[in-house]
Amino acid sequence: MATATQPVSVSKWTFWTGHIASGLVGLFMLFDGVMKLIKQSFAVDATVKLGYPESVIVGLGIVLTAITVLYLIPRTAVLGAILLTGYLGGAVASHLRAGDEVFTIVFALVFGALVWGGLWLRDERVRNLVPLRQC
């Protein structure tokens, strides 16, 4: 076990896989947030199709962009992951309520898993909180 003065070394594979997974999730979420901020037609159409008024789209874009930035900053990554989990849970609920196809629901669930999987691989605090044991 590492002490506070002795850093834990992780394999290159773990380091890069975690950062790549988190980076891809972050890029996608930032793209989605910015598309809502600038009210691209496909973002507006998708949000309205889910039953939300057009007036909430910019607010959703602000929230999504802000929590994604929190996720990408190492010091606030855990808070960002918690908030992204809530956001993606709302997306799942919205798609279920709208009767959307299974792919859109699974897509949000997979992104939630990638948020935490990438963070688990790149952050020792999360690995200590959720230790995976081999049986």
Protein backbone atom coordinates (compact mmCIF):
# COMPACT_ATOMS: atom_id res chain seq x y z
CA MET A 1 0.00 0.00 0.00
CA ALA A 2 1.31 3.44 -0.87
CA THR A 3 1.73 6.12 1.75
CA ALA A 4 0.93 9.79 1.29
CA THR A 5 4.56 10.47 0.40
CA GLN A 6 4.98 7.51 -1.94
CA PRO A 7 3.09 7.84 -5.25
CA VAL A 8 1.48 4.77 -6.77
CA SER A 9 2.76 3.90 -10.19
CA VAL A 10 0.30 2.63 -12.73
CA SER A 11 1.03 0.86 -15.97
CA LYS A 12 1.28 2.88 -19.15
CA TRP A 13 -1.71 0.97 -20.47
CA THR A 14 -3.85 2.04 -17.50
CA PHE A 15 -2.64 5.62 -17.69
CA TRP A 16 -3.29 6.04 -21.41
CA THR A 17 -6.53 4.05 -21.52
CA GLY A 18 -8.01 6.12 -18.71
CA HIS A 19 -6.99 9.41 -20.24
CA ILE A 20 -8.15 8.44 -23.73
CA ALA A 21 -11.53 7.18 -22.47
CA SER A 22 -12.04 10.31 -20.37
CA GLY A 23 -10.89 12.53 -23.22
CA LEU A 24 -13.29 10.95 -25.71
CA VAL A 25 -16.19 11.25 -23.29
CA GLY A 26 -15.19 14.84 -22.57
CA LEU A 27 -14.95 15.76 -26.25
CA PHE A 28 -18.35 14.26 -27.01
CA MET A 29 -20.01 15.96 -24.05
CA LEU A 30 -18.37 19.31 -24.84
CA PHE A 31 -19.54 18.99 -28.44
CA ASP A 32 -23.08 18.25 -27.27
CA GLY A 33 -23.01 21.15 -24.81
CA VAL A 34 -21.69 23.64 -27.38
CA MET A 35 -24.28 22.51 -29.95
CA LYS A 36 -26.95 23.30 -27.38
CA LEU A 37 -25.35 26.67 -26.57
CA ILE A 38 -25.36 27.77 -30.20
CA LYS A 39 -28.77 26.15 -30.75
CA GLN A 40 -27.86 24.03 -33.75
CA SER A 41 -31.02 22.82 -35.46
CA PHE A 42 -30.38 19.13 -34.77
CA ALA A 43 -29.84 19.84 -31.06
CA VAL A 44 -33.03 21.91 -30.90
CA ASP A 45 -35.03 19.26 -32.77
CA ALA A 46 -33.77 16.43 -30.54
CA THR A 47 -34.50 18.34 -27.33
CA VAL A 48 -37.98 19.37 -28.44
CA LYS A 49 -38.68 15.79 -29.58
CA LEU A 50 -37.98 14.67 -26.01
CA GLY A 51 -40.69 17.02 -24.77
CA TYR A 52 -38.60 19.94 -23.52
CA PRO A 53 -39.37 23.52 -24.56
CA GLU A 54 -36.84 25.26 -26.78
CA SER A 55 -36.29 27.83 -24.04
CA VAL A 56 -34.31 25.33 -21.88
CA ILE A 57 -31.75 24.35 -24.52
CA VAL A 58 -29.17 27.05 -23.76
CA GLY A 59 -29.45 26.33 -20.04
CA LEU A 60 -28.84 22.63 -20.70
CA GLY A 61 -25.83 23.58 -22.81
CA ILE A 62 -24.39 25.73 -20.02
CA VAL A 63 -24.89 22.98 -17.43
CA LEU A 64 -23.47 20.22 -19.65
CA THR A 65 -20.44 22.28 -20.69
CA ALA A 66 -19.70 23.34 -17.11
CA ILE A 67 -19.91 19.86 -15.61
CA THR A 68 -17.85 18.40 -18.46
CA VAL A 69 -15.11 20.94 -17.77
CA LEU A 70 -15.25 19.93 -14.09
CA TYR A 71 -14.83 16.30 -15.19
CA LEU A 72 -11.80 17.08 -17.34
CA ILE A 73 -9.94 18.98 -14.59
CA PRO A 74 -8.14 16.38 -12.44
CA ARG A 75 -8.80 18.20 -9.15
CA THR A 76 -12.58 18.32 -9.75
CA ALA A 77 -12.96 15.16 -11.86
CA VAL A 78 -14.89 13.18 -9.24
CA LEU A 79 -17.43 15.98 -8.77
CA GLY A 80 -17.73 16.26 -12.56
CA ALA A 81 -18.29 12.50 -12.86
CA ILE A 82 -21.03 12.61 -10.22
CA LEU A 83 -22.76 15.49 -12.01
CA LEU A 84 -22.36 13.85 -15.44
CA THR A 85 -23.92 10.70 -14.00
CA GLY A 86 -26.94 12.73 -12.96
CA TYR A 87 -27.14 14.42 -16.35
CA LEU A 88 -26.91 11.10 -18.19
CA GLY A 89 -29.48 9.57 -15.84
CA GLY A 90 -31.84 12.37 -16.83
CA ALA A 91 -31.10 11.60 -20.48
CA VAL A 92 -31.98 7.94 -19.95
CA ALA A 93 -35.22 8.90 -18.19
CA SER A 94 -36.12 11.35 -20.97
CA HIS A 95 -35.53 8.78 -23.70
CA LEU A 96 -37.54 6.15 -21.82
CA ARG A 97 -40.42 8.57 -21.30
CA ALA A 98 -40.37 9.53 -24.98
CA GLY A 99 -40.42 5.88 -26.02
CA ASP A 100 -37.17 6.16 -27.97
CA GLU A 101 -35.36 3.19 -29.39
CA VAL A 102 -33.14 1.04 -27.21
CA PHE A 103 -29.92 2.34 -28.83
CA THR A 104 -30.37 5.88 -27.46
CA ILE A 105 -30.98 4.54 -23.97
CA VAL A 106 -28.01 2.17 -24.06
CA PHE A 107 -25.83 4.93 -25.55
CA ALA A 108 -26.36 7.13 -22.48
CA LEU A 109 -25.75 4.17 -20.16
CA VAL A 110 -22.51 3.30 -21.95
CA PHE A 111 -21.34 6.90 -21.66
CA GLY A 112 -22.06 6.81 -17.93
CA ALA A 113 -19.94 3.68 -17.65
CA LEU A 114 -17.17 5.31 -19.69
CA VAL A 115 -17.24 8.38 -17.44
CA TRP A 116 -16.52 6.23 -14.39
CA GLY A 117 -14.33 3.67 -16.18
CA GLY A 118 -12.02 6.34 -17.54
CA LEU A 119 -11.88 8.04 -14.17
CA TRP A 120 -11.23 4.73 -12.38
CA LEU A 121 -8.29 4.05 -14.67
CA ARG A 122 -6.76 7.51 -14.34
CA ASP A 123 -7.46 8.44 -10.71
CA GLU A 124 -6.02 6.56 -7.74
CA ARG A 125 -8.67 8.00 -5.40
CA VAL A 126 -11.42 6.33 -7.39
CA ARG A 127 -9.50 3.03 -7.57
CA ASN A 128 -9.15 3.15 -3.76
CA LEU A 129 -12.85 3.95 -3.36
CA VAL A 130 -13.98 1.20 -5.73
CA PRO A 131 -11.35 -1.51 -5.56
CA LEU A 132 -11.84 -4.32 -8.06
CA ARG A 133 -10.72 -7.63 -6.69
CA GLN A 134 -9.91 -10.80 -8.55
CA CYS A 135 -11.69 -13.87 -7.23
